[in-house]
Every structure is written in C-alpha cells, then in structure tokens.
Amino acid sequence: MTVAHEHFFAVADFQFHVTSKQQRSIVLDDGFDLFQTTAATTLDCTISCVEGLDRTLIPNEAPIYTAKTNDSVLWEIYSDTNGILLTVNNPENTSELQQIARYNEVEKALVVYSEAFEHDGKSVIEPLKYPLLPLLLYYIALANDGLMIHASGVFDGEKGRIFSGFSGVGKSTMAKIWMDAGSTVINDDRMIIRKIGNEFWMYNTPMYYIDRPKKARLNGVFLPFHHPENTLEKLVGVRAIASVMAFCIQHGYSVANTQKLLDLMGELTQHCGVYRLGVVPTPAIIDFIKANE
C-alpha cells in the first residue's frame, strides 16, 4: 500500500489527482504502485476525499440503477446535479456501506466519502477501494471514446488481440498460451479500449496484484469457446457489434451512454476483425489464428 496526502496516477493514459479536503493520509492499494505518476498539467479527473459517510447525501428518490449479485446490492446509482451519485457496498459484506461518491461530469470531478481506519499506527482513508475505481473508469472511458470490457489481451510484437467472453470460455488459458510463446499479456480480466485518432488501443487497469501500465494497438477481437477442433468464423455488422457488446461493462439506465457505446462499437468492429473462435487449448491455436484471421 502507498500512503500519502495526495496521489497522481494514470490509467489508460487518463490522468488522475487524488487529494483529501481534510489533509488525511490517503491509501492506494498495491495494484496502483506502478500506475503512480508525477504531477500532470492536464487532468482527466480530480478526486477529493472526505472522511465519513454522510448518508444525508443519498437521495430519497429510487436509484436509477442497482447492481446486484443474487439478492445482495453491490452498488446503486442516483441522478445528481451535473452527474451521478453512487453508493457502494463492501463486496465482502454487502450490508456495509463502503463509499458514497458524487461524480460531476461537467467538472470531471469525483468526491468520495469513506470511513477512516488505522494503518501502521495512523488514521487513513482508502477512497478508491474496489469496486469504485472500475466504476469511475467506466465513466471516464465512455466520455472519451472508450469502453471497458471483460477480456484478456495479448501483443505478439506485431498485432494486438483480445479474447473476450464469459467466465470459463478460456480467456486466461489463451493469455497463458500466448505468453508462453513470448507475447506480452496486456491484461487477463478487465481492460479499457480507446479510440485515439483512427486507431484503437487496449490498456490494462490496476488489479489486486502489482503490474506495470501496458498498452498496445488492437487489431482483432476473438470470442473463444471450447470446441473439438480449432475453427474461426468472422462476424460482421450487427452480429459483430452485439457479440462484442455482450461482454462490455455497461449500465443500462442511460440511453445516451448506450448510444455512445453502440456508436463506438460500430467503429471498432469495422476497424478490427471480430471472430468466433473454436478452441482446442494447445499452442497450435496461435499459428491457426495467424493463418486464418
């Protein structure tokens, strides 16, 4: 963990500055270590931290979006002045409120309320404790021609490819096969894709483990599934868009945000090949992909 009164960090080339209004020591977990930077002249988001959970901020109106697992509420989103207000529960104990966060989309500013705790003999706050950071990155990416997706990404020195799908389809297995063959694994779970100029780039995000920031141009999107033999089917048009979009992180309450994602996905699927990939998980899959994509 890194403890300081302020932090600068960058994810997917987005620049963030974290401060405490009460001059509290701020903790960022180990996954941020190599993402920290020096002061940036241009910021994509300022994050102000406040000690204490001010429940009076939570609107009386019903939330516009609720994320659940089984019957447990993970987080809720409310309409707020110039943006949204999020209430985030502890994923280990969903009856415990972990953060209240107000995101001002106009000012690109996040204010996070959370309780202090003891760390190495001092009182500290941890404003970006999971899952708040991925929630923030979702909005930052979407506002800047980007998206978040559940995928593993690899770069072989020439081309960048992502493998996306539900748990169990072989995303991490594919990443390991390519890594063992000398490719760089950009990330094997939660990635950001950005359109920059006329190209698409893939980036890793801070995880629970320490890793350096990585990025690569994106050339192909593969949707793997287990199969008796290696097969490849190119998808185009609406089918390609819908197939990839199924694995993007999205909150369906906003028509405008859904349209943004659809428009971006249309460009992505025209720029990068999209394929259904039947997989026998052996090193032979690498040459098969290169020969048939």
Protein backbone atom coordinates (compact mmCIF):
# COMPACT_ATOMS: atom_id res chain seq x y z
CA MET A 1 0.00 0.00 0.00
CA THR A 2 1.10 3.56 -0.74
CA VAL A 3 0.22 6.23 1.84
CA ALA A 4 0.44 9.97 1.07
CA HIS A 5 -1.57 13.18 1.37
CA GLU A 6 -2.02 13.27 -2.41
CA HIS A 7 -1.51 10.93 -5.34
CA PHE A 8 -1.17 11.30 -9.09
CA PHE A 9 -1.77 8.23 -11.21
CA ALA A 10 -2.56 7.38 -14.83
CA VAL A 11 -4.72 4.58 -16.24
CA ALA A 12 -5.20 4.10 -20.00
CA ASP A 13 -3.43 7.46 -20.50
CA PHE A 14 -6.09 9.17 -18.37
CA GLN A 15 -4.58 11.40 -15.66
CA PHE A 16 -5.96 11.47 -12.09
CA HIS A 17 -5.18 13.55 -8.99
CA VAL A 18 -6.32 12.40 -5.53
CA THR A 19 -6.39 14.77 -2.53
CA SER A 20 -8.05 14.96 0.87
CA LYS A 21 -10.08 18.01 1.82
CA GLN A 22 -9.17 17.33 5.46
CA GLN A 23 -5.49 16.63 4.74
CA ARG A 24 -5.92 12.98 5.66
CA SER A 25 -3.41 10.35 4.65
CA ILE A 26 -4.74 8.53 1.58
CA VAL A 27 -4.10 4.85 0.95
CA LEU A 28 -3.92 3.30 -2.52
CA ASP A 29 -3.58 -0.47 -2.64
CA ASP A 30 -0.66 -2.36 -4.18
CA GLY A 31 -2.26 -2.54 -7.62
CA PHE A 32 -1.71 1.23 -8.03
CA ASP A 33 2.02 1.14 -7.29
CA LEU A 34 3.35 1.23 -10.86
CA PHE A 35 0.49 3.39 -12.16
CA GLN A 36 1.51 6.35 -10.00
CA THR A 37 3.00 9.35 -11.80
CA THR A 38 4.32 12.82 -11.17
CA ALA A 39 2.02 15.85 -11.31
CA ALA A 40 0.20 16.20 -14.62
CA THR A 41 -0.55 19.54 -16.28
CA THR A 42 -3.84 18.26 -17.74
CA LEU A 43 -6.16 16.12 -15.64
CA ASP A 44 -8.99 13.87 -16.76
CA CYS A 45 -10.43 13.62 -13.26
CA THR A 46 -9.83 15.19 -9.86
CA ILE A 47 -10.72 13.05 -6.84
CA SER A 48 -11.41 14.74 -3.50
CA CYS A 49 -11.64 12.52 -0.42
CA VAL A 50 -13.77 13.25 2.64
CA GLU A 51 -13.65 11.28 5.87
CA GLY A 52 -17.01 9.96 7.00
CA LEU A 53 -20.11 8.59 5.28
CA ASP A 54 -22.63 11.42 5.04
CA ARG A 55 -25.82 9.44 4.46
CA THR A 56 -27.84 12.65 4.16
CA LEU A 57 -26.38 12.96 0.65
CA ILE A 58 -28.27 9.87 -0.51
CA PRO A 59 -31.44 10.97 -2.34
CA ASN A 60 -34.87 9.88 -1.17
CA GLU A 61 -35.78 9.01 -4.75
CA ALA A 62 -35.29 5.50 -6.08
CA PRO A 63 -31.92 4.76 -7.70
CA ILE A 64 -31.74 4.80 -11.48
CA TYR A 65 -29.57 1.67 -11.47
CA THR A 66 -28.91 -1.12 -8.98
CA ALA A 67 -26.17 -3.72 -9.37
CA LYS A 68 -26.93 -6.97 -7.57
CA THR A 69 -25.49 -10.42 -7.03
CA ASN A 70 -28.24 -12.81 -6.05
CA ASP A 71 -30.25 -10.72 -3.55
CA SER A 72 -27.32 -8.57 -2.39
CA VAL A 73 -26.88 -4.98 -3.57
CA LEU A 74 -23.34 -4.22 -4.75
CA TRP A 75 -23.86 -0.56 -5.66
CA GLU A 76 -26.59 1.87 -6.63
CA ILE A 77 -26.59 4.93 -8.89
CA TYR A 78 -28.75 8.04 -8.38
CA SER A 79 -29.27 11.13 -10.50
CA ASP A 80 -27.32 14.08 -9.10
CA THR A 81 -26.57 17.68 -10.05
CA ASN A 82 -24.42 17.62 -13.22
CA GLY A 83 -23.84 13.90 -12.87
CA ILE A 84 -24.48 10.92 -10.64
CA LEU A 85 -24.22 9.81 -7.02
CA LEU A 86 -23.07 6.28 -6.23
CA THR A 87 -23.48 4.28 -3.04
CA VAL A 88 -21.02 1.39 -2.98
CA ASN A 89 -21.21 -1.52 -0.56
CA ASN A 90 -18.38 -3.67 0.73
CA PRO A 91 -18.25 -6.66 -1.66
CA GLU A 92 -17.23 -8.90 1.24
CA ASN A 93 -20.22 -7.75 3.32
CA THR A 94 -22.84 -6.09 1.15
CA SER A 95 -24.84 -4.87 4.15
CA GLU A 96 -21.96 -2.46 4.91
CA LEU A 97 -21.84 0.88 3.07
CA GLN A 98 -18.26 1.41 1.89
CA GLN A 99 -18.33 4.65 -0.13
CA ILE A 100 -20.60 7.45 -1.22
CA ALA A 101 -19.31 9.14 -4.37
CA ARG A 102 -20.55 12.14 -6.34
CA TYR A 103 -19.28 12.41 -9.90
CA ASN A 104 -19.67 15.76 -11.66
CA GLU A 105 -19.48 15.00 -15.37
CA VAL A 106 -19.13 18.69 -16.30
CA GLU A 107 -16.21 19.42 -13.98
CA LYS A 108 -14.71 15.91 -14.30
CA ALA A 109 -14.59 15.78 -10.53
CA LEU A 110 -15.28 12.96 -8.08
CA VAL A 111 -15.88 13.50 -4.35
CA VAL A 112 -15.60 10.30 -2.30
CA TYR A 113 -16.89 9.86 1.26
CA SER A 114 -15.49 6.92 3.24
CA GLU A 115 -14.63 5.99 6.81
CA ALA A 116 -11.10 6.26 8.19
CA PHE A 117 -9.25 3.25 9.60
CA GLU A 118 -5.93 2.52 11.29
CA HIS A 119 -2.92 1.60 9.15
CA ASP A 120 0.62 1.41 10.55
CA GLY A 121 -0.43 3.43 13.57
CA LYS A 122 -2.05 6.29 11.69
CA SER A 123 -5.58 7.17 10.63
CA VAL A 124 -6.00 6.80 6.86
CA ILE A 125 -8.73 6.68 4.21
CA GLU A 126 -8.91 4.46 1.12
CA PRO A 127 -11.26 6.23 -1.30
CA LEU A 128 -10.76 4.03 -4.36
CA LYS A 129 -11.23 0.66 -2.72
CA TYR A 130 -12.73 -1.90 -5.11
CA PRO A 131 -15.15 -1.64 -6.87
CA LEU A 132 -15.21 2.17 -7.01
CA LEU A 133 -12.18 2.55 -9.30
CA PRO A 134 -13.62 0.37 -12.10
CA LEU A 135 -16.91 2.25 -11.79
CA LEU A 136 -15.09 5.56 -12.22
CA LEU A 137 -13.01 4.24 -15.13
CA TYR A 138 -16.19 3.15 -16.89
CA TYR A 139 -17.50 6.74 -16.94
CA ILE A 140 -14.14 8.31 -17.79
CA ALA A 141 -13.61 5.90 -20.68
CA LEU A 142 -17.12 6.31 -22.08
CA ALA A 143 -16.76 10.11 -22.08
CA ASN A 144 -13.53 9.83 -24.10
CA ASP A 145 -14.22 7.40 -26.94
CA GLY A 146 -13.50 4.41 -24.75
CA LEU A 147 -15.08 1.36 -23.18
CA MET A 148 -14.38 -1.29 -20.57
CA ILE A 149 -14.56 -4.97 -21.40
CA HIS A 150 -14.06 -8.33 -19.70
CA ALA A 151 -11.23 -9.76 -21.76
CA SER A 152 -7.65 -10.91 -21.88
CA GLY A 153 -5.36 -9.03 -24.24
CA VAL A 154 -2.05 -10.06 -25.80
CA PHE A 155 0.51 -8.39 -28.05
CA ASP A 156 2.93 -10.52 -30.08
CA GLY A 157 5.15 -7.63 -31.18
CA GLU A 158 3.15 -7.03 -34.36
CA LYS A 159 -0.55 -7.33 -33.56
CA GLY A 160 -2.76 -6.82 -30.54
CA ARG A 161 -5.60 -9.26 -29.93
CA ILE A 162 -8.22 -9.59 -27.23
CA PHE A 163 -10.12 -12.70 -26.18
CA SER A 164 -13.47 -11.91 -24.61
CA GLY A 165 -16.30 -13.97 -23.16
CA PHE A 166 -17.98 -15.22 -20.02
CA SER A 167 -16.03 -16.96 -17.26
CA GLY A 168 -14.84 -20.42 -18.25
CA VAL A 169 -14.53 -19.94 -22.02
CA GLY A 170 -10.73 -19.87 -21.88
CA LYS A 171 -9.69 -16.20 -21.81
CA SER A 172 -6.94 -16.73 -19.23
CA THR A 173 -5.89 -20.00 -20.88
CA MET A 174 -5.45 -18.20 -24.18
CA ALA A 175 -3.42 -15.47 -22.49
CA LYS A 176 -1.09 -18.07 -20.96
CA ILE A 177 -0.62 -19.89 -24.27
CA TRP A 178 0.41 -16.64 -25.96
CA MET A 179 2.59 -15.61 -23.02
CA ASP A 180 4.42 -18.96 -23.11
CA ALA A 181 5.09 -18.28 -26.79
CA GLY A 182 6.71 -14.92 -25.98
CA SER A 183 3.81 -12.49 -26.31
CA THR A 184 3.09 -9.75 -23.78
CA VAL A 185 -0.11 -10.17 -21.79
CA ILE A 186 -1.67 -6.72 -21.51
CA ASN A 187 -4.30 -7.89 -19.01
CA ASP A 188 -6.29 -11.05 -18.39
CA ASP A 189 -9.53 -9.72 -16.93
CA ARG A 190 -10.63 -6.08 -17.08
CA MET A 191 -9.44 -3.90 -19.95
CA ILE A 192 -10.03 -0.46 -21.41
CA ILE A 193 -10.23 0.04 -25.18
CA ARG A 194 -9.82 3.58 -26.52
CA LYS A 195 -10.17 5.12 -29.95
CA ILE A 196 -7.27 7.51 -30.48
CA GLY A 197 -7.17 9.15 -33.89
CA ASN A 198 -8.08 6.43 -36.37
CA GLU A 199 -6.76 3.57 -34.24
CA PHE A 200 -7.95 1.53 -31.30
CA TRP A 201 -5.71 0.81 -28.32
CA MET A 202 -6.09 -1.64 -25.46
CA TYR A 203 -4.90 -0.96 -21.91
CA ASN A 204 -4.66 -2.78 -18.62
CA THR A 205 -6.13 -1.38 -15.40
CA PRO A 206 -4.96 -1.63 -11.77
CA MET A 207 -5.74 -5.05 -10.31
CA TYR A 208 -5.30 -6.67 -6.89
CA TYR A 209 -1.74 -7.64 -7.92
CA ILE A 210 1.16 -5.38 -8.91
CA ASP A 211 1.61 -4.85 -12.64
CA ARG A 212 3.02 -2.08 -14.80
CA PRO A 213 0.84 0.00 -17.14
CA LYS A 214 0.66 -1.64 -20.56
CA LYS A 215 -0.96 -0.82 -23.87
CA ALA A 216 -0.95 -1.99 -27.48
CA ARG A 217 -2.74 -1.30 -30.74
CA LEU A 218 -5.79 -3.51 -31.14
CA ASN A 219 -6.12 -5.47 -34.38
CA GLY A 220 -8.56 -8.28 -33.63
CA VAL A 221 -11.31 -9.33 -31.23
CA PHE A 222 -11.83 -13.05 -30.64
CA LEU A 223 -14.75 -14.70 -28.86
CA PRO A 224 -13.43 -18.13 -27.82
CA PHE A 225 -15.43 -21.24 -26.99
CA HIS A 226 -14.41 -24.84 -26.35
CA HIS A 227 -14.56 -26.99 -29.48
CA PRO A 228 -13.22 -30.37 -30.71
CA GLU A 229 -11.14 -28.57 -33.34
CA ASN A 230 -9.85 -25.07 -33.97
CA THR A 231 -12.36 -23.03 -36.00
CA LEU A 232 -12.68 -19.37 -36.95
CA GLU A 233 -15.80 -17.52 -38.10
CA LYS A 234 -15.66 -13.83 -38.96
CA LEU A 235 -18.57 -11.74 -37.69
CA VAL A 236 -19.70 -8.51 -39.32
CA GLY A 237 -22.34 -5.83 -38.92
CA VAL A 238 -24.96 -6.05 -36.20
CA ARG A 239 -23.89 -9.57 -35.26
CA ALA A 240 -20.33 -8.43 -34.58
CA ILE A 241 -21.49 -5.42 -32.56
CA ALA A 242 -23.93 -7.41 -30.43
CA SER A 243 -21.47 -10.25 -29.85
CA VAL A 244 -18.71 -7.99 -28.51
CA MET A 245 -21.04 -5.62 -26.67
CA ALA A 246 -22.33 -8.55 -24.59
CA PHE A 247 -19.00 -8.59 -22.75
CA CYS A 248 -18.59 -4.83 -22.32
CA ILE A 249 -19.18 -3.27 -18.92
CA GLN A 250 -22.34 -1.18 -19.22
CA HIS A 251 -25.07 0.33 -17.08
CA GLY A 252 -28.30 0.26 -19.00
CA TYR A 253 -30.07 3.20 -17.35
CA SER A 254 -28.79 5.85 -19.79
CA VAL A 255 -29.99 5.88 -23.40
CA ALA A 256 -27.26 8.40 -24.25
CA ASN A 257 -24.49 6.21 -22.82
CA THR A 258 -25.85 3.14 -24.58
CA GLN A 259 -25.86 5.04 -27.87
CA LYS A 260 -22.27 6.19 -27.27
CA LEU A 261 -21.22 2.59 -26.74
CA LEU A 262 -23.12 1.41 -29.82
CA ASP A 263 -21.52 4.09 -32.00
CA LEU A 264 -18.05 3.27 -30.71
CA MET A 265 -18.64 -0.45 -31.12
CA GLY A 266 -19.71 0.13 -34.72
CA GLU A 267 -16.38 1.83 -35.43
CA LEU A 268 -14.42 -0.79 -33.52
CA THR A 269 -15.95 -3.72 -35.39
CA GLN A 270 -15.25 -2.03 -38.73
CA HIS A 271 -11.62 -1.30 -37.81
CA CYS A 272 -10.79 -4.61 -36.10
CA GLY A 273 -11.77 -8.09 -37.23
CA VAL A 274 -14.26 -9.85 -34.93
CA TYR A 275 -14.22 -13.65 -34.83
CA ARG A 276 -15.93 -16.56 -33.09
CA LEU A 277 -13.04 -18.84 -32.19
CA GLY A 278 -13.49 -22.54 -31.57
CA VAL A 279 -10.52 -23.56 -29.44
CA VAL A 280 -8.50 -26.64 -28.67
CA PRO A 281 -6.27 -25.11 -25.94
CA THR A 282 -2.83 -26.05 -27.25
CA PRO A 283 0.00 -23.88 -28.66
CA ALA A 284 -1.20 -24.77 -32.18
CA ILE A 285 -4.02 -22.23 -31.76
CA ILE A 286 -1.52 -19.39 -32.27
CA ASP A 287 -0.47 -20.43 -35.77
CA PHE A 288 -4.09 -21.26 -36.59
CA ILE A 289 -5.21 -17.73 -35.72
CA LYS A 290 -2.35 -16.07 -37.60
CA ALA A 291 -3.04 -18.15 -40.70
CA ASN A 292 -6.79 -17.57 -40.76
CA GLU A 293 -7.56 -14.13 -39.33
